[in-house]
Amino acid sequence: MPHCIIEHSTSLDGEPLVASVFAGALQSGLFEADGRDIKVRSIAYQHYLTGPEKGNFVHVTVKILSGRTPEQKQVLSQSVLAHLQKLERPGCSLTVEVVDIDRASYAKVTG
């Protein structure tokens, strides 16, 4: 069920990032084996600073329903990060965070 939101600098192609994050979430073993419940999207930013200069960055927020252990969240973030590192983007800042979605307030409709 994760919602994986990739924020990145515009000079980076979002397609390989989306594929990489999907693969990392899938490999974590925390979701459906075929990945049908994994949702990934990217947002490219043109206007940003990374410190005093403009440098390439990728930040992934993985939103999951509450109830996972800290160990499971660490496995997920490390798996996503490891897949991003395979893209070999020298000098690019890579960060991943896992955020809980409150089960009581989450609503979903599929159609």
C-alpha atoms as a PDB file:
ATOM      1  CA  MET A   1       0.000   0.000   0.000  1.00  0.00           C
ATOM      2  CA  PRO A   2       2.877   2.351   0.141  1.00  0.00           C
ATOM      3  CA  HIS A   3       2.709   5.724  -1.529  1.00  0.00           C
ATOM      4  CA  CYS A   4       6.262   6.524  -2.617  1.00  0.00           C
ATOM      5  CA  ILE A   5       6.739  10.185  -3.475  1.00  0.00           C
ATOM      6  CA  ILE A   6      10.023  11.111  -5.117  1.00  0.00           C
ATOM      7  CA  GLU A   7      11.091  14.743  -5.037  1.00  0.00           C
ATOM      8  CA  HIS A   8      14.114  15.504  -7.213  1.00  0.00           C
ATOM      9  CA  SER A   9      16.001  18.190  -9.093  1.00  0.00           C
ATOM     10  CA  THR A  10      14.822  18.783 -12.662  1.00  0.00           C
ATOM     11  CA  SER A  11      18.172  17.803 -14.144  1.00  0.00           C
ATOM     12  CA  LEU A  12      17.488  14.189 -13.114  1.00  0.00           C
ATOM     13  CA  ASP A  13      15.262  11.925 -15.207  1.00  0.00           C
ATOM     14  CA  GLY A  14      12.303  10.767 -13.117  1.00  0.00           C
ATOM     15  CA  GLU A  15      11.663   7.495 -14.974  1.00  0.00           C
ATOM     16  CA  PRO A  16      14.713   5.596 -13.648  1.00  0.00           C
ATOM     17  CA  LEU A  17      14.029   7.000 -10.191  1.00  0.00           C
ATOM     18  CA  VAL A  18      10.454   5.678 -10.256  1.00  0.00           C
ATOM     19  CA  ALA A  19      11.629   2.226 -11.386  1.00  0.00           C
ATOM     20  CA  SER A  20      14.363   2.160  -8.758  1.00  0.00           C
ATOM     21  CA  VAL A  21      12.085   3.153  -5.874  1.00  0.00           C
ATOM     22  CA  PHE A  22       9.488   0.613  -6.986  1.00  0.00           C
ATOM     23  CA  ALA A  23      12.144  -2.131  -7.043  1.00  0.00           C
ATOM     24  CA  GLY A  24      13.389  -1.138  -3.593  1.00  0.00           C
ATOM     25  CA  ALA A  25       9.913  -1.151  -2.068  1.00  0.00           C
ATOM     26  CA  LEU A  26       9.160  -4.505  -3.696  1.00  0.00           C
ATOM     27  CA  GLN A  27      12.421  -6.058  -2.511  1.00  0.00           C
ATOM     28  CA  SER A  28      11.688  -5.026   1.082  1.00  0.00           C
ATOM     29  CA  GLY A  29       9.216  -7.916   1.227  1.00  0.00           C
ATOM     30  CA  LEU A  30       6.669  -5.825   3.122  1.00  0.00           C
ATOM     31  CA  PHE A  31       4.078  -5.561   0.346  1.00  0.00           C
ATOM     32  CA  GLU A  32       2.286  -7.716  -2.230  1.00  0.00           C
ATOM     33  CA  ALA A  33       4.758 -10.044  -4.000  1.00  0.00           C
ATOM     34  CA  ASP A  34       3.780  -8.718  -7.450  1.00  0.00           C
ATOM     35  CA  GLY A  35       3.951  -5.077  -6.352  1.00  0.00           C
ATOM     36  CA  ARG A  36       0.354  -4.281  -7.272  1.00  0.00           C
ATOM     37  CA  ASP A  37      -0.099  -2.284  -4.074  1.00  0.00           C
ATOM     38  CA  ILE A  38       3.026  -0.119  -4.516  1.00  0.00           C
ATOM     39  CA  LYS A  39       2.379   3.376  -5.876  1.00  0.00           C
ATOM     40  CA  VAL A  40       5.298   5.561  -6.985  1.00  0.00           C
ATOM     41  CA  ARG A  41       5.327   9.066  -8.424  1.00  0.00           C
ATOM     42  CA  SER A  42       7.919  11.775  -8.924  1.00  0.00           C
ATOM     43  CA  ILE A  43       7.910  15.535  -8.676  1.00  0.00           C
ATOM     44  CA  ALA A  44      10.742  17.506 -10.290  1.00  0.00           C
ATOM     45  CA  TYR A  45      11.738  20.819  -8.739  1.00  0.00           C
ATOM     46  CA  GLN A  46      13.200  23.638 -10.785  1.00  0.00           C
ATOM     47  CA  HIS A  47      13.512  26.128  -7.943  1.00  0.00           C
ATOM     48  CA  TYR A  48      15.488  24.884  -4.930  1.00  0.00           C
ATOM     49  CA  LEU A  49      18.737  25.202  -2.986  1.00  0.00           C
ATOM     50  CA  THR A  50      20.779  22.453  -1.394  1.00  0.00           C
ATOM     51  CA  GLY A  51      22.798  24.536   1.024  1.00  0.00           C
ATOM     52  CA  PRO A  52      24.296  27.678  -0.491  1.00  0.00           C
ATOM     53  CA  GLU A  53      24.389  26.134  -3.984  1.00  0.00           C
ATOM     54  CA  LYS A  54      22.121  24.244  -6.316  1.00  0.00           C
ATOM     55  CA  GLY A  55      23.072  20.558  -6.370  1.00  0.00           C
ATOM     56  CA  ASN A  56      21.228  17.476  -7.554  1.00  0.00           C
ATOM     57  CA  PHE A  57      19.038  15.763  -4.982  1.00  0.00           C
ATOM     58  CA  VAL A  58      16.571  12.926  -4.593  1.00  0.00           C
ATOM     59  CA  HIS A  59      14.320  12.700  -1.546  1.00  0.00           C
ATOM     60  CA  VAL A  60      11.851   9.831  -1.223  1.00  0.00           C
ATOM     61  CA  THR A  61       8.973   9.834   1.228  1.00  0.00           C
ATOM     62  CA  VAL A  62       7.404   6.402   1.650  1.00  0.00           C
ATOM     63  CA  LYS A  63       3.991   6.667   3.280  1.00  0.00           C
ATOM     64  CA  ILE A  64       2.724   3.425   4.828  1.00  0.00           C
ATOM     65  CA  LEU A  65      -0.199   2.528   7.071  1.00  0.00           C
ATOM     66  CA  SER A  66       0.750   2.654  10.741  1.00  0.00           C
ATOM     67  CA  GLY A  67       1.581  -0.549  12.569  1.00  0.00           C
ATOM     68  CA  ARG A  68       4.978  -1.513  11.116  1.00  0.00           C
ATOM     69  CA  THR A  69       7.888  -2.032  13.475  1.00  0.00           C
ATOM     70  CA  PRO A  70      10.910   0.276  13.473  1.00  0.00           C
ATOM     71  CA  GLU A  71      12.922  -2.648  12.064  1.00  0.00           C
ATOM     72  CA  GLN A  72      10.507  -3.084   9.134  1.00  0.00           C
ATOM     73  CA  LYS A  73      10.673   0.647   8.404  1.00  0.00           C
ATOM     74  CA  GLN A  74      14.465   0.501   8.441  1.00  0.00           C
ATOM     75  CA  VAL A  75      14.459  -2.458   6.028  1.00  0.00           C
ATOM     76  CA  LEU A  76      12.176  -0.485   3.705  1.00  0.00           C
ATOM     77  CA  SER A  77      14.214   2.732   3.757  1.00  0.00           C
ATOM     78  CA  GLN A  78      17.508   0.874   3.313  1.00  0.00           C
ATOM     79  CA  SER A  79      16.131  -1.193   0.420  1.00  0.00           C
ATOM     80  CA  VAL A  80      14.884   1.904  -1.409  1.00  0.00           C
ATOM     81  CA  LEU A  81      18.153   3.733  -0.752  1.00  0.00           C
ATOM     82  CA  ALA A  82      20.249   0.777  -1.980  1.00  0.00           C
ATOM     83  CA  HIS A  83      18.318   0.714  -5.255  1.00  0.00           C
ATOM     84  CA  LEU A  84      18.751   4.458  -5.715  1.00  0.00           C
ATOM     85  CA  GLN A  85      22.496   4.107  -5.150  1.00  0.00           C
ATOM     86  CA  LYS A  86      22.681   1.660  -8.077  1.00  0.00           C
ATOM     87  CA  LEU A  87      21.811   4.559 -10.390  1.00  0.00           C
ATOM     88  CA  GLU A  88      25.291   5.985  -9.690  1.00  0.00           C
ATOM     89  CA  ARG A  89      24.588   9.697  -9.461  1.00  0.00           C
ATOM     90  CA  PRO A  90      27.887  11.165  -8.177  1.00  0.00           C
ATOM     91  CA  GLY A  91      27.462  14.267  -6.049  1.00  0.00           C
ATOM     92  CA  CYS A  92      23.719  13.728  -5.759  1.00  0.00           C
ATOM     93  CA  SER A  93      22.168  13.835  -2.298  1.00  0.00           C
ATOM     94  CA  LEU A  94      19.956  10.767  -1.727  1.00  0.00           C
ATOM     95  CA  THR A  95      17.558  10.599   1.213  1.00  0.00           C
ATOM     96  CA  VAL A  96      14.664   8.309   2.151  1.00  0.00           C
ATOM     97  CA  GLU A  97      12.137   8.609   4.961  1.00  0.00           C
ATOM     98  CA  VAL A  98       9.288   6.337   5.983  1.00  0.00           C
ATOM     99  CA  VAL A  99       6.182   8.067   7.347  1.00  0.00           C
ATOM    100  CA  ASP A 100       3.164   6.480   9.020  1.00  0.00           C
ATOM    101  CA  ILE A 101      -0.348   7.115   7.728  1.00  0.00           C
ATOM    102  CA  ASP A 102      -2.923   7.072  10.509  1.00  0.00           C
ATOM    103  CA  ARG A 103      -5.151   4.034   9.886  1.00  0.00           C
ATOM    104  CA  ALA A 104      -8.164   5.656  11.560  1.00  0.00           C
ATOM    105  CA  SER A 105      -8.210   8.603   9.147  1.00  0.00           C
ATOM    106  CA  TYR A 106      -7.111   6.868   5.923  1.00  0.00           C
ATOM    107  CA  ALA A 107      -9.827   6.349   3.302  1.00  0.00           C
ATOM    108  CA  LYS A 108      -9.576   4.627  -0.063  1.00  0.00           C
ATOM    109  CA  VAL A 109     -11.817   3.840  -3.019  1.00  0.00           C
ATOM    110  CA  THR A 110     -10.743   1.795  -6.030  1.00  0.00           C
ATOM    111  CA  GLY A 111     -12.727   1.665  -9.139  1.00  0.00           C
END
